Every structure is written in structure tokens, then in C-alpha cells.
Protein backbone atom coordinates (compact mmCIF):
# COMPACT_ATOMS: atom_id res chain seq x y z
CA MET A 1 134.32 103.12 62.35
CA ASP A 2 130.55 103.17 61.73
CA SER A 3 130.97 102.39 58.02
CA LEU A 4 133.56 99.68 58.68
CA TYR A 5 131.33 98.19 61.39
CA LEU A 6 128.34 98.03 59.04
CA ILE A 7 130.35 96.53 56.20
CA VAL A 8 131.69 93.85 58.54
CA LEU A 9 128.16 93.15 59.78
CA GLY A 10 126.85 92.95 56.21
CA VAL A 11 129.55 90.49 55.20
CA ILE A 12 128.90 88.36 58.28
CA GLN A 13 125.14 88.42 57.78
CA GLY A 14 125.45 87.51 54.11
CA ILE A 15 127.76 84.60 54.85
CA ALA A 16 126.33 83.25 58.10
CA GLU A 17 122.64 83.54 57.17
CA PHE A 18 123.09 80.85 54.53
CA LEU A 19 126.07 78.83 55.68
CA PRO A 20 125.03 76.61 58.62
CA ILE A 21 127.15 78.52 61.13
CA SER A 22 124.51 80.82 62.72
CA SER A 23 124.27 84.47 61.73
CA SER A 24 122.87 85.41 65.16
CA ALA A 25 125.90 83.94 66.94
CA HIS A 26 128.31 85.83 64.70
CA LEU A 27 126.45 89.13 64.98
CA ILE A 28 126.30 88.84 68.77
CA VAL A 29 130.03 88.08 69.00
CA VAL A 30 131.07 90.80 66.55
CA SER A 31 128.91 93.43 68.23
CA ALA A 32 130.52 92.45 71.53
CA TRP A 33 133.99 92.88 70.03
CA MET A 34 133.45 95.98 67.91
CA ASN A 35 130.59 97.81 69.61
CA ASP A 36 131.06 97.09 73.34
CA GLY A 37 128.31 94.46 73.33
CA GLN A 38 125.61 96.90 72.19
CA PRO A 39 122.83 95.30 70.12
CA LEU A 40 122.24 96.37 66.54
CA THR A 41 120.11 99.42 65.91
CA LEU A 42 116.74 98.93 64.27
CA ALA A 43 117.99 100.36 60.96
CA GLN A 44 121.01 98.08 60.95
CA ASN A 45 119.01 94.98 61.86
CA ILE A 46 116.28 95.50 59.26
CA GLY A 47 118.80 96.44 56.57
CA LEU A 48 120.92 93.34 57.11
CA HIS A 49 117.95 90.97 56.99
CA LEU A 50 116.41 92.63 53.94
CA GLY A 51 119.76 92.21 52.20
CA THR A 52 119.76 88.47 52.73
CA LEU A 53 116.07 88.27 51.77
CA PHE A 54 116.86 89.94 48.44
CA SER A 55 119.85 87.68 47.85
CA VAL A 56 117.83 84.46 48.24
CA VAL A 57 115.03 85.85 46.04
CA VAL A 58 117.53 86.81 43.33
CA TYR A 59 119.46 83.53 43.47
CA PHE A 60 116.38 81.32 43.34
CA TYR A 61 114.23 83.54 41.12
CA ARG A 62 113.74 80.71 38.60
CA ASP A 63 112.37 78.44 41.32
CA TRP A 64 109.91 81.11 42.46
CA LEU A 65 108.85 81.86 38.86
CA ASN A 66 108.24 78.15 38.27
CA ILE A 67 106.10 77.99 41.41
CA LEU A 68 104.11 81.08 40.36
CA TYR A 69 103.58 79.78 36.82
CA ALA A 70 102.46 76.42 38.21
CA LEU A 71 100.04 78.20 40.56
CA LYS A 72 98.65 80.23 37.65
CA ASP A 73 98.09 77.06 35.60
CA ARG A 74 96.48 75.40 38.60
CA ILE A 75 94.03 78.28 39.08
CA PHE A 76 93.14 79.05 35.45
CA LYS A 77 93.69 75.71 33.70
CA GLY A 78 93.19 73.17 36.45
CA SER A 79 96.65 71.72 35.75
CA SER A 80 98.23 69.65 38.49
CA SER A 81 101.92 69.88 39.32
CA HIS A 82 104.19 69.18 42.25
CA ASP A 83 105.15 72.87 42.46
CA ALA A 84 101.55 74.07 42.82
CA ASN A 85 100.00 71.12 44.66
CA VAL A 86 102.80 70.27 47.08
CA LEU A 87 105.83 72.57 47.09
CA LEU A 88 103.99 75.89 47.52
CA PRO A 89 101.69 74.59 50.31
CA ALA A 90 104.74 72.95 51.90
CA LEU A 91 106.58 76.28 51.99
CA ILE A 92 103.58 77.99 53.58
CA ILE A 93 102.92 75.24 56.14
CA GLY A 94 106.62 74.90 56.96
CA CYS A 95 106.76 78.55 58.05
CA ILE A 96 103.86 78.34 60.50
CA PRO A 97 105.62 76.82 63.57
CA ALA A 98 108.53 79.27 63.55
CA GLY A 99 106.15 82.12 62.75
CA ILE A 100 103.97 81.40 65.78
CA VAL A 101 106.88 80.99 68.17
CA GLY A 102 108.80 83.88 66.65
CA ILE A 103 105.96 86.36 66.99
CA SER A 104 105.27 85.37 70.58
CA ALA A 105 108.79 84.84 71.90
CA GLN A 106 111.44 86.29 69.58
CA SER A 107 111.91 89.52 71.56
CA TRP A 108 112.29 87.58 74.79
CA ILE A 109 114.76 85.16 73.21
CA GLU A 110 116.89 87.97 71.78
CA ARG A 111 116.87 89.81 75.11
CA GLU A 112 117.66 86.83 77.32
CA PHE A 113 120.20 85.11 75.06
CA HIS A 114 122.12 88.08 73.66
CA HIS A 115 125.32 87.40 75.62
CA PRO A 116 128.03 85.63 73.54
CA LEU A 117 128.37 82.75 76.02
CA PHE A 118 124.80 81.64 75.34
CA VAL A 119 125.71 80.69 71.76
CA VAL A 120 128.45 78.21 72.76
CA ALA A 121 126.26 75.16 73.44
CA PRO A 122 123.97 75.59 70.38
CA LEU A 123 126.99 76.02 68.12
CA VAL A 124 128.50 72.70 69.19
CA VAL A 125 125.36 70.62 69.73
CA VAL A 126 123.58 71.62 66.51
CA GLY A 127 126.85 71.37 64.60
CA PHE A 128 127.36 67.80 65.76
CA PHE A 129 123.84 66.70 64.84
CA MET A 130 124.13 68.41 61.45
CA TRP A 131 127.24 66.38 60.66
CA TRP A 132 125.87 63.17 62.16
CA GLY A 133 122.50 63.45 60.41
CA ASP A 134 124.05 64.15 57.02
CA LYS A 135 126.60 61.34 57.43
CA SER A 136 124.12 58.76 58.68
CA CYS A 137 121.12 59.27 56.41
CA PRO A 138 121.01 58.02 52.81
CA GLN A 139 120.20 60.39 49.95
CA GLU A 140 117.07 58.71 48.62
CA ARG A 141 114.69 61.53 47.69
CA GLY A 142 114.77 64.66 45.56
CA LEU A 143 112.78 67.86 45.91
CA SER A 144 110.07 66.45 43.61
CA GLN A 145 109.40 63.76 46.26
CA LEU A 146 108.92 66.21 49.12
CA ASN A 147 105.49 66.00 50.77
CA ILE A 148 103.45 68.03 53.26
CA LYS A 149 104.45 65.83 56.19
CA ASP A 150 108.11 66.56 55.41
CA ALA A 151 107.34 70.29 55.43
CA ILE A 152 105.70 70.09 58.85
CA ILE A 153 108.68 68.26 60.32
CA ILE A 154 111.23 70.63 58.77
CA GLY A 155 109.09 73.55 59.93
CA LEU A 156 109.30 72.25 63.50
CA PHE A 157 113.07 72.03 63.14
CA GLN A 158 113.06 75.67 62.05
CA VAL A 159 111.70 76.66 65.48
CA ILE A 160 115.07 75.59 66.95
CA ALA A 161 116.70 78.28 64.80
CA LEU A 162 115.16 80.97 67.01
CA ILE A 163 117.82 80.07 69.57
CA PRO A 164 120.93 82.17 68.84
CA GLY A 165 123.75 79.90 67.72
CA ALA A 166 121.53 77.21 66.20
CA SER A 167 121.42 78.40 62.53
CA ARG A 168 118.21 78.44 60.50
CA SER A 169 119.82 76.91 57.42
CA GLY A 170 121.63 74.35 59.57
CA VAL A 171 118.59 72.98 61.40
CA THR A 172 116.34 72.95 58.32
CA ILE A 173 119.01 71.17 56.26
CA LEU A 174 119.36 68.70 59.14
CA GLY A 175 115.61 68.13 59.12
CA GLY A 176 115.66 67.43 55.40
CA ARG A 177 118.58 65.02 55.63
CA LEU A 178 116.96 63.10 58.51
CA LEU A 179 113.98 62.65 56.17
CA LYS A 180 116.40 61.18 53.59
CA LEU A 181 116.17 64.10 51.18
CA ASP A 182 119.36 64.36 49.17
CA ARG A 183 121.80 67.17 49.88
CA ASP A 184 120.69 69.38 47.00
CA ALA A 185 116.99 69.02 47.90
CA SER A 186 117.64 69.67 51.61
CA ALA A 187 119.63 72.84 50.94
CA ARG A 188 117.29 74.13 48.22
CA PHE A 189 114.16 73.62 50.32
CA SER A 190 115.92 75.26 53.29
CA PHE A 191 116.63 78.40 51.25
CA LEU A 192 113.17 78.51 49.69
CA LEU A 193 111.62 78.05 53.15
CA GLY A 194 113.70 80.92 54.48
CA THR A 195 112.26 83.35 51.91
CA PRO A 196 108.72 83.69 53.37
CA VAL A 197 110.18 83.66 56.90
CA MET A 198 112.42 86.63 56.12
CA ALA A 199 109.67 88.37 54.13
CA GLY A 200 107.24 87.90 57.02
CA ALA A 201 109.72 89.43 59.44
CA ALA A 202 110.04 92.44 57.14
CA LEU A 203 106.25 92.82 56.92
CA LEU A 204 105.96 92.76 60.70
CA ASN A 205 108.39 95.67 60.79
CA LEU A 206 106.83 97.83 58.06
CA ASP A 207 106.30 100.79 60.39
CA GLU A 208 109.89 100.62 61.57
CA LEU A 209 111.08 100.13 57.98
CA ALA A 210 109.42 103.40 56.96
CA GLN A 211 111.20 105.16 59.83
CA VAL A 212 114.69 103.92 58.91
CA ALA A 213 114.47 103.92 55.10
CA ALA A 214 116.36 107.22 54.88
CA HIS A 215 119.25 106.08 57.09
CA GLY A 216 122.60 105.41 55.46
CA ASP A 217 123.09 102.56 57.94
CA PHE A 218 120.10 100.80 56.43
CA TYR A 219 121.37 100.81 52.83
CA LEU A 220 125.02 100.10 53.58
CA GLY A 221 124.17 97.00 55.61
CA MET A 222 121.54 95.84 53.13
CA ILE A 223 123.71 96.09 50.00
CA THR A 224 126.69 94.44 51.68
CA ALA A 225 124.54 91.55 52.94
CA LEU A 226 122.87 91.18 49.53
CA VAL A 227 126.12 90.84 47.56
CA THR A 228 127.78 88.61 50.14
CA GLY A 229 124.67 86.44 50.42
CA LEU A 230 124.67 85.65 46.70
CA VAL A 231 128.26 84.42 46.94
CA SER A 232 127.66 82.35 50.09
CA ILE A 233 124.57 80.58 48.68
CA ARG A 234 126.56 79.44 45.67
CA PHE A 235 129.44 78.35 47.89
CA LEU A 236 127.25 76.34 50.25
CA LEU A 237 125.41 74.49 47.50
CA ALA A 238 128.66 73.48 45.81
CA MET A 239 130.47 72.53 49.03
CA PHE A 240 127.54 70.69 50.60
CA ARG A 241 126.90 68.54 47.53
CA LYS A 242 130.54 67.45 47.42
CA TYR A 243 131.78 67.38 51.03
CA GLY A 244 128.81 67.36 53.40
CA LEU A 245 128.77 69.24 56.72
CA LEU A 246 131.85 68.03 58.59
CA GLY A 247 133.80 71.21 57.85
CA PHE A 248 130.99 73.36 59.23
CA PHE A 249 130.90 71.26 62.41
CA PHE A 250 134.63 71.87 62.90
CA TYR A 251 134.21 75.59 62.29
CA ARG A 252 131.27 75.89 64.71
CA THR A 253 133.22 74.01 67.40
CA LEU A 254 136.27 76.23 66.90
CA LEU A 255 134.12 79.35 67.10
CA ALA A 256 132.50 78.07 70.30
CA LEU A 257 135.93 77.55 71.86
CA VAL A 258 137.07 81.03 70.84
CA VAL A 259 133.91 82.57 72.32
CA LEU A 260 134.28 80.54 75.50
CA VAL A 261 137.90 81.60 76.02
CA THR A 262 137.28 85.22 75.05
CA PHE A 263 134.15 85.94 77.06
CA TRP A 264 134.41 83.62 80.05
CA PRO A 265 134.46 85.85 83.15
CA ASN A 266 137.81 86.09 84.91
């Protein structure tokens, strides 16, 4: 049961971290179904999130190499480029709002909003605005036209993702689309922005990471989330470019109804 539970969690984390359907909502619901509502252990939690961190680093390794090369040329050659002058600062600045709120309030949020019923409203409301924002806003700008102001606004949207059920990828993609970034640019910046956020969370838990590094739970969850995450990133990029977010809105609404019916007190 423990191994099956961790594999299921790894698959869910890998899929829901990148698809705009909220990984926190799914993990809360699954733990309620399979583990009597008990929260994840520290080893399980860190392993799952490291898995998705590795998957986004692996999938977008060319983007990160391009940014690093551009930074090197900026420092040693004085060369200007969008990657070094705008994109890298934008990724750093965009992480600050969620980082500040997350450090100060994440434990309280997770404690107070762990019950499955708390994810119902965010699933539906954020899902609707994701669909509406993508449908209503023209695709006028690519990633090369992103600026620092855009990063600040998208970073503020990322704060909403601290609410279980909202979805980090969902709200940051919504922020990008409201700024008239095209679908590819919105999704790509969302994933790149998630990398330092997930890495920062891992750094804040270095002591705990050292304690759980020998646990089988840690590696099983991490590897499952890593492999599944690579598949789900590819799927989202392809589906989003072609079909938009309506299907995800329907799925989030259906999940909210299932949670409401299943967990509403008799």
C-alpha cells in the first residue's frame, strides 16, 4: 500500500504541478481517500517537489543554458541580450512576491486549508478566469517582448497559487495571457518562473532534506514525479497552443463537484 500510495502521489504531482489543475488540490483529495486524510510526510513532500523541479530543469535545459550563456557574455563581453538584460531579472523579480508570502504564511495556509472542501471554490473560480482570460485576450506578444513590469504582475498572480486549488501554472499562465502574451510565451514563462520557486523551497528545507535523503519514500516519489512531469509538460504545451484552456476549466469544475459530493458532511 505504501509503494502504491507513493507511486499514485508521484503521478499526480507530476501531472498536476504543470497542468493548470492544481497539484495541491489533488494531493489533498488523494491523501483523504487513500490515507485517511493524513498529510504527506516530510520525506514524501520534499521528494515529490524535487521530482517536478528536476523535470522542469531537464525539459527546459536549453532555455536555462541560453540564459546562462547570455549572462556570461553580459559579464565578460558587455554584450546585451534580452535573455540577460530582461528575462533573467524578470524571473528573479517574478519570484519575490510569492517568496515573501510563502515564507511568512505557507505553513498557516497549508494547515488551515488542508481539508478537501476548501479547494472547491478555487478550482472553479480560477478555472473560469483561466478560460475567460485566454479566450478574451489576443496573442500579440512573444517571450522576447516580455518586460520587467510583466514579470512583476505575473509574480503577483503567483501569490494566488499559495491557496490550495488555485494552481501555480494556471494563475501564472492567466497572468501572461491577460498581458497579451501568446500561449507559448505564457506557458514557457510560467514553467521557467516555477524553477527558482521550487528550487528556493528545496533550499529552505535543506536540513530536512538531509534527514530524509536515505528514505525509500523520498526516492520513489521523486522519480515518479520526475518522469510523469516530463510527459505532462510536453502535453500541456501541445494542448494549450492548439486548444486553449476550456478543457481544463471543465475538468476543474468536474473535480470540484466530485469533491463537494464526496466530502460534504452528512
